[in-house]
Amino acid sequence: LVDRGAVLVGTDAPSVDPVDSTELEAHRVLAEGGIVNLENLVLDGVAPGRYTLVALPLRLV
């Protein structure tokens, strides 16, 4: 993904790593390659196609 110029990876899973991972290798590789990781997406019912993604941080108070 780094070599192909990806800037973001999104998944509808809780993590790009196995849930029992203690080393979080996928997180590390993505971060070192400058790729943002977006997890826990709800993609049910989203039709295939091209979309514009706007992902803003939540304001934590």
PDB file of N, CA and C in Angstrom:
ATOM      1  N   LEU A   1       0.823  -1.199   0.000  1.00  0.00           N
ATOM      2  CA  LEU A   1       0.000   0.000   0.000  1.00  0.00           C
ATOM      3  C   LEU A   1       0.862   1.256   0.000  1.00  0.00           C
ATOM      4  N   VAL A   2       1.947   1.208   0.756  1.00  0.00           N
ATOM      5  CA  VAL A   2       2.860   2.356   0.783  1.00  0.00           C
ATOM      6  C   VAL A   2       3.425   2.590  -0.612  1.00  0.00           C
ATOM      7  N   ASP A   3       3.866   1.522  -1.251  1.00  0.00           N
ATOM      8  CA  ASP A   3       4.453   1.641  -2.589  1.00  0.00           C
ATOM      9  C   ASP A   3       3.449   2.109  -3.635  1.00  0.00           C
ATOM     10  N   ARG A   4       2.160   1.847  -3.402  1.00  0.00           N
ATOM     11  CA  ARG A   4       1.124   2.244  -4.361  1.00  0.00           C
ATOM     12  C   ARG A   4       0.588   3.644  -4.093  1.00  0.00           C
ATOM     13  N   GLY A   5       1.093   4.314  -3.071  1.00  0.00           N
ATOM     14  CA  GLY A   5       0.707   5.696  -2.807  1.00  0.00           C
ATOM     15  C   GLY A   5      -0.549   5.870  -1.976  1.00  0.00           C
ATOM     16  N   ALA A   6      -0.969   4.830  -1.271  1.00  0.00           N
ATOM     17  CA  ALA A   6      -2.158   4.953  -0.424  1.00  0.00           C
ATOM     18  C   ALA A   6      -1.902   5.971   0.681  1.00  0.00           C
ATOM     19  N   VAL A   7      -2.929   6.723   1.039  1.00  0.00           N
ATOM     20  CA  VAL A   7      -2.811   7.689   2.131  1.00  0.00           C
ATOM     21  C   VAL A   7      -3.732   7.337   3.297  1.00  0.00           C
ATOM     22  N   LEU A   8      -4.700   6.436   3.049  1.00  0.00           N
ATOM     23  CA  LEU A   8      -5.645   6.045   4.089  1.00  0.00           C
ATOM     24  C   LEU A   8      -6.089   4.615   3.844  1.00  0.00           C
ATOM     25  N   VAL A   9      -6.237   3.857   4.924  1.00  0.00           N
ATOM     26  CA  VAL A   9      -6.801   2.511   4.869  1.00  0.00           C
ATOM     27  C   VAL A   9      -8.024   2.512   5.770  1.00  0.00           C
ATOM     28  N   GLY A  10      -9.158   2.088   5.245  1.00  0.00           N
ATOM     29  CA  GLY A  10     -10.379   1.999   6.032  1.00  0.00           C
ATOM     30  C   GLY A  10     -10.848   0.569   6.124  1.00  0.00           C
ATOM     31  N   THR A  11     -11.388   0.201   7.280  1.00  0.00           N
ATOM     32  CA  THR A  11     -11.902  -1.148   7.483  1.00  0.00           C
ATOM     33  C   THR A  11     -13.146  -1.108   8.362  1.00  0.00           C
ATOM     34  N   ASP A  12     -14.046  -2.063   8.127  1.00  0.00           N
ATOM     35  CA  ASP A  12     -15.225  -2.164   8.987  1.00  0.00           C
ATOM     36  C   ASP A  12     -14.961  -3.092  10.166  1.00  0.00           C
ATOM     37  N   ALA A  13     -13.731  -3.523  10.326  1.00  0.00           N
ATOM     38  CA  ALA A  13     -13.326  -4.364  11.447  1.00  0.00           C
ATOM     39  C   ALA A  13     -12.841  -3.483  12.605  1.00  0.00           C
ATOM     40  N   PRO A  14     -12.774  -4.045  13.806  1.00  0.00           N
ATOM     41  CA  PRO A  14     -12.294  -3.262  14.944  1.00  0.00           C
ATOM     42  C   PRO A  14     -10.835  -2.837  14.833  1.00  0.00           C
ATOM     43  N   SER A  15     -10.049  -3.573  14.042  1.00  0.00           N
ATOM     44  CA  SER A  15      -8.629  -3.263  13.939  1.00  0.00           C
ATOM     45  C   SER A  15      -8.055  -3.842  12.659  1.00  0.00           C
ATOM     46  N   VAL A  16      -6.988  -3.237  12.147  1.00  0.00           N
ATOM     47  CA  VAL A  16      -6.279  -3.814  11.009  1.00  0.00           C
ATOM     48  C   VAL A  16      -5.366  -4.943  11.470  1.00  0.00           C
ATOM     49  N   ASP A  17      -5.139  -5.035  12.756  1.00  0.00           N
ATOM     50  CA  ASP A  17      -4.368  -6.130  13.343  1.00  0.00           C
ATOM     51  C   ASP A  17      -5.321  -7.137  13.975  1.00  0.00           C
ATOM     52  N   PRO A  18      -4.853  -8.377  14.180  1.00  0.00           N
ATOM     53  CA  PRO A  18      -5.670  -9.336  14.930  1.00  0.00           C
ATOM     54  C   PRO A  18      -5.997  -8.763  16.310  1.00  0.00           C
ATOM     55  N   VAL A  19      -7.180  -9.059  16.821  1.00  0.00           N
ATOM     56  CA  VAL A  19      -7.614  -8.473  18.094  1.00  0.00           C
ATOM     57  C   VAL A  19      -6.722  -8.876  19.262  1.00  0.00           C
ATOM     58  N   ASP A  20      -6.039 -10.001  19.153  1.00  0.00           N
ATOM     59  CA  ASP A  20      -5.162 -10.436  20.237  1.00  0.00           C
ATOM     60  C   ASP A  20      -3.706 -10.006  20.028  1.00  0.00           C
ATOM     61  N   SER A  21      -3.463  -9.167  19.044  1.00  0.00           N
ATOM     62  CA  SER A  21      -2.101  -8.723  18.745  1.00  0.00           C
ATOM     63  C   SER A  21      -1.579  -7.820  19.856  1.00  0.00           C
ATOM     64  N   THR A  22      -0.360  -8.077  20.263  1.00  0.00           N
ATOM     65  CA  THR A  22       0.291  -7.202  21.243  1.00  0.00           C
ATOM     66  C   THR A  22       1.341  -6.321  20.578  1.00  0.00           C
ATOM     67  N   GLU A  23       1.708  -6.654  19.348  1.00  0.00           N
ATOM     68  CA  GLU A  23       2.747  -5.895  18.655  1.00  0.00           C
ATOM     69  C   GLU A  23       2.179  -4.875  17.675  1.00  0.00           C
ATOM     70  N   LEU A  24       0.938  -5.032  17.265  1.00  0.00           N
ATOM     71  CA  LEU A  24       0.257  -4.106  16.356  1.00  0.00           C
ATOM     72  C   LEU A  24       1.100  -3.796  15.120  1.00  0.00           C
ATOM     73  N   GLU A  25       1.590  -4.857  14.483  1.00  0.00           N
ATOM     74  CA  GLU A  25       2.493  -4.698  13.348  1.00  0.00           C
ATOM     75  C   GLU A  25       1.866  -3.924  12.198  1.00  0.00           C
ATOM     76  N   ALA A  26       0.599  -4.208  11.871  1.00  0.00           N
ATOM     77  CA  ALA A  26      -0.042  -3.498  10.761  1.00  0.00           C
ATOM     78  C   ALA A  26      -0.158  -2.005  11.075  1.00  0.00           C
ATOM     79  N   HIS A  27      -0.517  -1.671  12.309  1.00  0.00           N
ATOM     80  CA  HIS A  27      -0.580  -0.263  12.707  1.00  0.00           C
ATOM     81  C   HIS A  27       0.784   0.402  12.531  1.00  0.00           C
ATOM     82  N   ARG A  28       1.830  -0.284  12.959  1.00  0.00           N
ATOM     83  CA  ARG A  28       3.182   0.263  12.875  1.00  0.00           C
ATOM     84  C   ARG A  28       3.603   0.484  11.427  1.00  0.00           C
ATOM     85  N   VAL A  29       3.385  -0.527  10.582  1.00  0.00           N
ATOM     86  CA  VAL A  29       3.786  -0.427   9.172  1.00  0.00           C
ATOM     87  C   VAL A  29       3.030   0.701   8.480  1.00  0.00           C
ATOM     88  N   LEU A  30       1.729   0.794   8.730  1.00  0.00           N
ATOM     89  CA  LEU A  30       0.937   1.861   8.117  1.00  0.00           C
ATOM     90  C   LEU A  30       1.426   3.234   8.577  1.00  0.00           C
ATOM     91  N   ALA A  31       1.622   3.391   9.872  1.00  0.00           N
ATOM     92  CA  ALA A  31       2.065   4.686  10.405  1.00  0.00           C
ATOM     93  C   ALA A  31       3.435   5.075   9.861  1.00  0.00           C
ATOM     94  N   GLU A  32       4.348   4.119   9.815  1.00  0.00           N
ATOM     95  CA  GLU A  32       5.686   4.413   9.292  1.00  0.00           C
ATOM     96  C   GLU A  32       5.640   4.789   7.815  1.00  0.00           C
ATOM     97  N   GLY A  33       4.629   4.284   7.096  1.00  0.00           N
ATOM     98  CA  GLY A  33       4.479   4.612   5.686  1.00  0.00           C
ATOM     99  C   GLY A  33       3.652   5.860   5.445  1.00  0.00           C
ATOM    100  N   GLY A  34       3.231   6.533   6.534  1.00  0.00           N
ATOM    101  CA  GLY A  34       2.443   7.752   6.399  1.00  0.00           C
ATOM    102  C   GLY A  34       0.995   7.505   6.027  1.00  0.00           C
ATOM    103  N   ILE A  35       0.496   6.301   6.307  1.00  0.00           N
ATOM    104  CA  ILE A  35      -0.877   5.945   5.955  1.00  0.00           C
ATOM    105  C   ILE A  35      -1.757   6.040   7.195  1.00  0.00           C
ATOM    106  N   VAL A  36      -2.848   6.774   7.083  1.00  0.00           N
ATOM    107  CA  VAL A  36      -3.817   6.920   8.167  1.00  0.00           C
ATOM    108  C   VAL A  36      -4.683   5.671   8.208  1.00  0.00           C
ATOM    109  N   ASN A  37      -5.004   5.234   9.416  1.00  0.00           N
ATOM    110  CA  ASN A  37      -5.791   4.032   9.638  1.00  0.00           C
ATOM    111  C   ASN A  37      -7.165   4.434  10.179  1.00  0.00           C
ATOM    112  N   LEU A  38      -8.232   4.072   9.471  1.00  0.00           N
ATOM    113  CA  LEU A  38      -9.598   4.409   9.874  1.00  0.00           C
ATOM    114  C   LEU A  38     -10.348   3.109  10.115  1.00  0.00           C
ATOM    115  N   GLU A  39     -10.674   2.832  11.380  1.00  0.00           N
ATOM    116  CA  GLU A  39     -11.267   1.551  11.764  1.00  0.00           C
ATOM    117  C   GLU A  39     -12.719   1.718  12.197  1.00  0.00           C
ATOM    118  N   ASN A  40     -13.409   0.582  12.306  1.00  0.00           N
ATOM    119  CA  ASN A  40     -14.790   0.514  12.799  1.00  0.00           C
ATOM    120  C   ASN A  40     -15.789   1.246  11.908  1.00  0.00           C
ATOM    121  N   LEU A  41     -15.547   1.263  10.614  1.00  0.00           N
ATOM    122  CA  LEU A  41     -16.507   1.869   9.693  1.00  0.00           C
ATOM    123  C   LEU A  41     -17.748   0.996   9.600  1.00  0.00           C
ATOM    124  N   VAL A  42     -18.897   1.595   9.452  1.00  0.00           N
ATOM    125  CA  VAL A  42     -20.139   0.853   9.241  1.00  0.00           C
ATOM    126  C   VAL A  42     -20.449   0.944   7.755  1.00  0.00           C
ATOM    127  N   LEU A  43     -20.196  -0.149   7.044  1.00  0.00           N
ATOM    128  CA  LEU A  43     -20.315  -0.139   5.590  1.00  0.00           C
ATOM    129  C   LEU A  43     -21.521  -0.927   5.087  1.00  0.00           C
ATOM    130  N   ASP A  44     -22.330  -1.455   5.998  1.00  0.00           N
ATOM    131  CA  ASP A  44     -23.533  -2.182   5.577  1.00  0.00           C
ATOM    132  C   ASP A  44     -24.435  -1.263   4.767  1.00  0.00           C
ATOM    133  N   GLY A  45     -24.878  -1.725   3.641  1.00  0.00           N
ATOM    134  CA  GLY A  45     -25.807  -0.968   2.824  1.00  0.00           C
ATOM    135  C   GLY A  45     -25.165   0.088   1.941  1.00  0.00           C
ATOM    136  N   VAL A  46     -23.853   0.196   1.947  1.00  0.00           N
ATOM    137  CA  VAL A  46     -23.179   1.162   1.071  1.00  0.00           C
ATOM    138  C   VAL A  46     -22.953   0.505  -0.279  1.00  0.00           C
ATOM    139  N   ALA A  47     -23.532   1.085  -1.303  1.00  0.00           N
ATOM    140  CA  ALA A  47     -23.407   0.517  -2.650  1.00  0.00           C
ATOM    141  C   ALA A  47     -21.989   0.716  -3.174  1.00  0.00           C
ATOM    142  N   PRO A  48     -21.502  -0.222  -3.976  1.00  0.00           N
ATOM    143  CA  PRO A  48     -20.185  -0.035  -4.595  1.00  0.00           C
ATOM    144  C   PRO A  48     -20.168   1.241  -5.428  1.00  0.00           C
ATOM    145  N   GLY A  49     -19.051   1.899  -5.446  1.00  0.00           N
ATOM    146  CA  GLY A  49     -18.924   3.121  -6.236  1.00  0.00           C
ATOM    147  C   GLY A  49     -17.802   3.986  -5.725  1.00  0.00           C
ATOM    148  N   ARG A  50     -17.662   5.140  -6.327  1.00  0.00           N
ATOM    149  CA  ARG A  50     -16.644   6.109  -5.915  1.00  0.00           C
ATOM    150  C   ARG A  50     -17.298   7.134  -4.992  1.00  0.00           C
ATOM    151  N   TYR A  51     -16.619   7.441  -3.925  1.00  0.00           N
ATOM    152  CA  TYR A  51     -17.143   8.366  -2.933  1.00  0.00           C
ATOM    153  C   TYR A  51     -16.056   9.339  -2.514  1.00  0.00           C
ATOM    154  N   THR A  52     -16.472  10.463  -1.957  1.00  0.00           N
ATOM    155  CA  THR A  52     -15.556  11.379  -1.300  1.00  0.00           C
ATOM    156  C   THR A  52     -15.710  11.159   0.193  1.00  0.00           C
ATOM    157  N   LEU A  53     -14.622  10.851   0.846  1.00  0.00           N
ATOM    158  CA  LEU A  53     -14.646  10.599   2.283  1.00  0.00           C
ATOM    159  C   LEU A  53     -14.245  11.868   3.021  1.00  0.00           C
ATOM    160  N   VAL A  54     -15.070  12.252   3.986  1.00  0.00           N
ATOM    161  CA  VAL A  54     -14.731  13.350   4.886  1.00  0.00           C
ATOM    162  C   VAL A  54     -14.708  12.748   6.286  1.00  0.00           C
ATOM    163  N   ALA A  55     -13.535  12.646   6.876  1.00  0.00           N
ATOM    164  CA  ALA A  55     -13.378  12.038   8.201  1.00  0.00           C
ATOM    165  C   ALA A  55     -12.761  13.071   9.134  1.00  0.00           C
ATOM    166  N   LEU A  56     -13.573  13.592  10.014  1.00  0.00           N
ATOM    167  CA  LEU A  56     -13.131  14.639  10.932  1.00  0.00           C
ATOM    168  C   LEU A  56     -12.997  14.064  12.336  1.00  0.00           C
ATOM    169  N   PRO A  57     -12.087  14.581  13.139  1.00  0.00           N
ATOM    170  CA  PRO A  57     -11.937  14.067  14.507  1.00  0.00           C
ATOM    171  C   PRO A  57     -13.127  14.477  15.369  1.00  0.00           C
ATOM    172  N   LEU A  58     -13.452  13.627  16.337  1.00  0.00           N
ATOM    173  CA  LEU A  58     -14.498  13.959  17.292  1.00  0.00           C
ATOM    174  C   LEU A  58     -13.946  14.945  18.314  1.00  0.00           C
ATOM    175  N   ARG A  59     -14.778  15.869  18.726  1.00  0.00           N
ATOM    176  CA  ARG A  59     -14.374  16.797  19.785  1.00  0.00           C
ATOM    177  C   ARG A  59     -14.626  16.100  21.119  1.00  0.00           C
ATOM    178  N   LEU A  60     -13.575  15.785  21.817  1.00  0.00           N
ATOM    179  CA  LEU A  60     -13.695  15.128  23.115  1.00  0.00           C
ATOM    180  C   LEU A  60     -13.638  16.182  24.206  1.00  0.00           C
ATOM    181  N   VAL A  61     -14.690  16.200  25.022  1.00  0.00           N
ATOM    182  CA  VAL A  61     -14.778  17.210  26.079  1.00  0.00           C
ATOM    183  C   VAL A  61     -14.677  16.534  27.418  1.00  0.00           C
TER     184      VAL A  61
END
